[in-house]
Amino acid sequence: MPTTSRLLVVDDEDAILEFVSYNLRKEGYDVVTARDGDSALALADASHFDLVILDIMLPGTDGFEVCRRLRAKSDLPVLFLSARDTELDKVVGFELGGDDYLAKPFGIRELQARVKALLRRSAIGSKPGTATGAQGERFEAAGISLDESSHEVVHEGTSIDLTPREFELLACLMRHRGKVLSRDQLLRQAWGWEIVVETKTVDTHIKRLRDKLAAADVDPDVVETVRGYGYRLNG
């Protein structure tokens, strides 16, 4: 029987915590809250979550550092929710491994939509309490098998754990195998939202993707850099 998606919401403003958690619980999610970075890290270590909604300006350990520590040992999707909305803040958030970034003030419907999208991409399901019913494609290249329906990436029988963003990047490259894709194209297709961030964000995620491929005995150069333009998947 499918389980309800479990979310960790981290913010030091009580009004934001109450507003966000109330509306997400109305959608059927199991929501746990934390008011500072250290508490969030302790909760993430002690329990399973499907997604973290994370403020940046927190007492003690800030949201950027929380994301960095989470990403060092987990592929747990992270959605930044912050009043800091400069392009630099967004770039830093993505380069630390964040999967999405929503600036305050925000509309609750947009937040709910982004939560659903991230859960869907990480094979949790587009609706709380239900399994994903999307019929995605299956791709084979360079000894890698990628299944969009099950959100699985396998090489020679070994699963490769990717974050939602890394998965979307690899799926995009495999879908267009042999074709050079610009950073702008990858940014639009893999991020899926009209966000204003520097295209070097793509480079950071490509590096992480290559590292994970190498750890699974895949030649990381299968993702080729086409200097001055973008990336191409060979094999």
Protein backbone atom coordinates (compact mmCIF):
# COMPACT_ATOMS: atom_id res chain seq x y z
CA MET A 1 0.00 0.00 0.00
CA PRO A 2 1.51 3.38 -0.97
CA THR A 3 2.55 5.70 1.82
CA THR A 4 2.03 9.41 2.23
CA SER A 5 4.98 11.59 1.29
CA ARG A 6 6.78 12.96 4.35
CA LEU A 7 8.04 16.55 4.23
CA LEU A 8 10.40 18.48 6.49
CA VAL A 9 9.69 22.23 6.56
CA VAL A 10 12.44 24.40 8.08
CA ASP A 11 11.86 28.09 8.88
CA ASP A 12 12.44 30.30 11.91
CA GLU A 13 9.25 32.30 11.34
CA ASP A 14 6.31 30.72 13.16
CA ALA A 15 3.79 32.32 10.79
CA ILE A 16 5.50 30.80 7.73
CA LEU A 17 5.81 27.39 9.40
CA GLU A 18 2.14 27.36 10.32
CA PHE A 19 0.99 28.62 6.93
CA VAL A 20 3.08 26.18 4.91
CA SER A 21 2.53 23.13 7.11
CA TYR A 22 -1.23 23.74 7.36
CA ASN A 23 -1.69 23.99 3.60
CA LEU A 24 0.54 21.02 2.81
CA ARG A 25 -1.24 18.87 5.39
CA LYS A 26 -4.52 19.84 3.71
CA GLU A 27 -3.04 18.27 0.56
CA GLY A 28 -2.47 15.05 2.48
CA TYR A 29 1.24 15.28 3.24
CA ASP A 30 2.83 14.23 6.51
CA VAL A 31 4.64 17.41 7.59
CA VAL A 32 7.33 17.78 10.25
CA THR A 33 8.70 21.23 11.14
CA ALA A 34 11.98 22.62 12.46
CA ARG A 35 12.89 26.18 13.45
CA ASP A 36 16.67 26.06 13.04
CA GLY A 37 19.31 24.34 10.96
CA ASP A 38 20.72 22.09 13.67
CA SER A 39 17.28 20.72 14.52
CA ALA A 40 16.63 20.10 10.82
CA LEU A 41 19.86 18.12 10.43
CA ALA A 42 19.08 16.08 13.54
CA LEU A 43 15.61 15.26 12.24
CA ALA A 44 16.97 14.31 8.82
CA ASP A 45 19.49 11.97 10.47
CA ALA A 46 16.90 10.36 12.70
CA SER A 47 14.01 9.89 10.27
CA HIS A 48 13.08 9.42 6.62
CA PHE A 49 11.80 12.35 4.58
CA ASP A 50 10.84 12.60 0.92
CA LEU A 51 11.55 16.32 0.55
CA VAL A 52 12.90 19.28 2.54
CA ILE A 53 11.51 22.82 2.24
CA LEU A 54 14.33 24.97 3.54
CA ASP A 55 14.72 28.63 4.49
CA ILE A 56 18.20 30.14 4.17
CA MET A 57 18.31 32.64 7.04
CA LEU A 58 18.14 30.35 10.07
CA PRO A 59 19.52 30.63 13.61
CA GLY A 60 22.86 28.87 13.98
CA THR A 61 23.50 26.70 10.94
CA ASP A 62 22.03 28.49 7.93
CA GLY A 63 20.05 26.90 5.12
CA PHE A 64 22.95 26.83 2.66
CA GLU A 65 25.06 24.84 5.13
CA VAL A 66 22.13 22.55 5.92
CA CYS A 67 21.75 21.81 2.21
CA ARG A 68 25.48 21.19 1.82
CA ARG A 69 25.49 18.68 4.70
CA LEU A 70 22.35 16.96 3.48
CA ARG A 71 23.73 16.66 -0.03
CA ALA A 72 27.01 15.19 1.25
CA LYS A 73 25.20 12.05 2.37
CA SER A 74 21.77 12.06 0.74
CA ASP A 75 19.93 12.67 -2.52
CA LEU A 76 16.93 14.03 -0.61
CA PRO A 77 15.25 16.73 -2.75
CA VAL A 78 15.66 20.25 -1.36
CA LEU A 79 13.40 23.19 -2.17
CA PHE A 80 14.72 26.54 -0.94
CA LEU A 81 12.02 28.92 0.30
CA SER A 82 13.63 32.23 1.16
CA ALA A 83 13.25 36.00 1.25
CA ARG A 84 16.73 36.16 -0.28
CA ASP A 85 15.85 36.30 -3.95
CA THR A 86 18.92 37.66 -5.73
CA GLU A 87 20.38 35.81 -8.68
CA LEU A 88 23.51 35.09 -6.63
CA ASP A 89 21.46 33.47 -3.84
CA LYS A 90 19.76 31.22 -6.38
CA VAL A 91 23.05 30.29 -8.01
CA VAL A 92 24.58 29.40 -4.64
CA GLY A 93 21.50 27.37 -3.69
CA PHE A 94 21.62 25.34 -6.90
CA GLU A 95 25.38 24.89 -6.76
CA LEU A 96 25.08 23.46 -3.26
CA GLY A 97 22.68 20.87 -4.62
CA GLY A 98 19.27 22.48 -4.17
CA ASP A 99 16.62 21.22 -6.58
CA ASP A 100 14.34 24.27 -6.67
CA TYR A 101 14.18 27.81 -5.32
CA LEU A 102 11.05 29.81 -4.50
CA ALA A 103 11.33 33.38 -3.22
CA LYS A 104 9.16 34.91 -0.49
CA PRO A 105 6.52 36.20 -0.71
CA PHE A 106 5.07 33.24 -2.55
CA GLY A 107 1.70 31.83 -3.53
CA ILE A 108 0.71 28.62 -1.78
CA ARG A 109 -0.53 27.10 -5.04
CA GLU A 110 2.85 27.61 -6.66
CA LEU A 111 4.57 26.03 -3.66
CA GLN A 112 2.19 23.06 -3.80
CA ALA A 113 2.85 22.66 -7.53
CA ARG A 114 6.60 22.69 -7.04
CA VAL A 115 6.40 20.18 -4.20
CA LYS A 116 4.37 17.84 -6.40
CA ALA A 117 6.81 18.27 -9.28
CA LEU A 118 9.83 17.44 -7.12
CA LEU A 119 8.14 14.41 -5.59
CA ARG A 120 7.10 13.21 -9.02
CA ARG A 121 10.65 13.57 -10.31
CA SER A 122 12.00 11.58 -7.40
CA ALA A 123 9.44 8.81 -8.05
CA ILE A 124 7.46 9.58 -4.91
CA GLY A 125 4.31 10.41 -6.82
CA SER A 126 2.56 13.47 -8.15
CA LYS A 127 -0.13 13.23 -5.45
CA PRO A 128 0.28 12.42 -1.78
CA GLY A 129 -0.60 8.84 -0.94
CA THR A 130 -0.51 7.63 -4.53
CA ALA A 131 2.13 6.04 -6.67
CA THR A 132 3.16 7.73 -9.87
CA GLY A 133 1.12 6.64 -12.83
CA ALA A 134 3.14 8.42 -15.48
CA GLN A 135 4.24 6.24 -18.37
CA GLY A 136 7.75 7.45 -19.13
CA GLU A 137 10.25 6.23 -21.64
CA ARG A 138 13.19 3.89 -21.23
CA PHE A 139 16.61 4.81 -22.65
CA GLU A 140 19.79 2.78 -23.18
CA ALA A 141 23.20 4.31 -23.86
CA ALA A 142 26.82 3.64 -22.89
CA GLY A 143 25.75 0.64 -20.83
CA ILE A 144 23.35 2.82 -18.82
CA SER A 145 19.64 2.05 -18.60
CA LEU A 146 17.31 4.88 -17.55
CA ASP A 147 13.61 4.28 -16.88
CA GLU A 148 11.51 7.42 -16.53
CA SER A 149 8.50 5.55 -15.11
CA SER A 150 10.35 3.93 -12.22
CA HIS A 151 12.96 6.69 -11.93
CA GLU A 152 15.72 4.09 -12.03
CA VAL A 153 19.20 4.37 -13.50
CA VAL A 154 21.16 1.13 -13.75
CA HIS A 155 24.62 0.23 -15.03
CA GLU A 156 25.56 -3.46 -15.30
CA GLY A 157 22.98 -4.40 -12.68
CA THR A 158 24.00 -1.70 -10.23
CA SER A 159 21.62 1.15 -9.42
CA ILE A 160 22.93 4.71 -9.60
CA ASP A 161 21.24 7.04 -7.10
CA LEU A 162 20.66 10.49 -8.57
CA THR A 163 18.97 13.60 -7.29
CA PRO A 164 15.85 14.67 -9.21
CA ARG A 165 17.85 17.33 -11.06
CA GLU A 166 20.68 14.94 -11.96
CA PHE A 167 18.12 12.42 -13.17
CA GLU A 168 16.41 15.03 -15.37
CA LEU A 169 19.74 16.12 -16.83
CA LEU A 170 20.75 12.55 -17.68
CA ALA A 171 17.29 11.79 -19.11
CA CYS A 172 17.49 14.88 -21.30
CA LEU A 173 20.97 13.95 -22.56
CA MET A 174 19.92 10.34 -23.22
CA ARG A 175 16.75 11.44 -24.97
CA HIS A 176 18.92 13.47 -27.36
CA ARG A 177 21.90 11.10 -27.47
CA GLY A 178 24.61 12.29 -29.83
CA LYS A 179 23.13 15.78 -30.09
CA VAL A 180 24.79 18.80 -28.51
CA LEU A 181 22.50 20.59 -26.05
CA SER A 182 23.23 24.10 -24.88
CA ARG A 183 23.28 25.00 -21.21
CA ASP A 184 20.12 27.07 -21.75
CA GLN A 185 18.34 24.07 -23.26
CA LEU A 186 19.40 21.83 -20.38
CA LEU A 187 18.42 24.46 -17.83
CA ARG A 188 14.92 24.82 -19.30
CA GLN A 189 14.30 21.10 -19.71
CA ALA A 190 15.81 19.81 -16.47
CA TRP A 191 14.68 22.60 -14.14
CA GLY A 192 11.26 22.97 -15.69
CA TRP A 193 10.58 26.40 -14.16
CA GLU A 194 11.12 29.86 -15.57
CA ILE A 195 13.91 30.79 -13.19
CA VAL A 196 16.71 33.29 -13.68
CA VAL A 197 19.99 31.62 -12.78
CA GLU A 198 23.39 31.56 -14.37
CA THR A 199 23.98 28.69 -16.77
CA LYS A 200 27.05 27.67 -14.76
CA THR A 201 24.52 26.02 -12.46
CA VAL A 202 24.21 23.35 -15.16
CA ASP A 203 27.99 22.82 -15.06
CA THR A 204 27.87 22.17 -11.32
CA HIS A 205 25.16 19.54 -11.66
CA ILE A 206 26.89 17.94 -14.65
CA LYS A 207 30.04 17.58 -12.53
CA ARG A 208 28.05 15.83 -9.78
CA LEU A 209 26.41 13.60 -12.38
CA ARG A 210 29.81 12.65 -13.81
CA ASP A 211 31.13 11.89 -10.32
CA LYS A 212 28.24 9.49 -9.69
CA LEU A 213 28.68 7.84 -13.08
CA ALA A 214 32.39 7.36 -12.38
CA ALA A 215 31.59 5.84 -8.98
CA ALA A 216 29.42 3.29 -10.82
CA ASP A 217 32.29 2.43 -13.21
CA VAL A 218 30.85 4.44 -16.08
CA ASP A 219 33.33 6.52 -18.05
CA PRO A 220 32.40 10.07 -16.96
CA ASP A 221 33.50 11.37 -20.36
CA VAL A 222 30.41 9.71 -21.83
CA VAL A 223 28.96 13.14 -20.98
CA GLU A 224 31.12 15.21 -23.31
CA THR A 225 31.73 18.92 -22.88
CA VAL A 226 31.41 20.75 -26.18
CA ARG A 227 33.45 23.83 -25.41
CA GLY A 228 31.64 27.11 -25.84
CA TYR A 229 28.25 25.48 -26.34
CA GLY A 230 27.10 22.74 -23.98
CA TYR A 231 27.06 18.99 -23.51
CA ARG A 232 26.48 15.80 -25.49
CA LEU A 233 25.93 12.20 -24.43
CA ASN A 234 27.97 9.68 -26.40
CA GLY A 235 27.88 5.90 -26.49
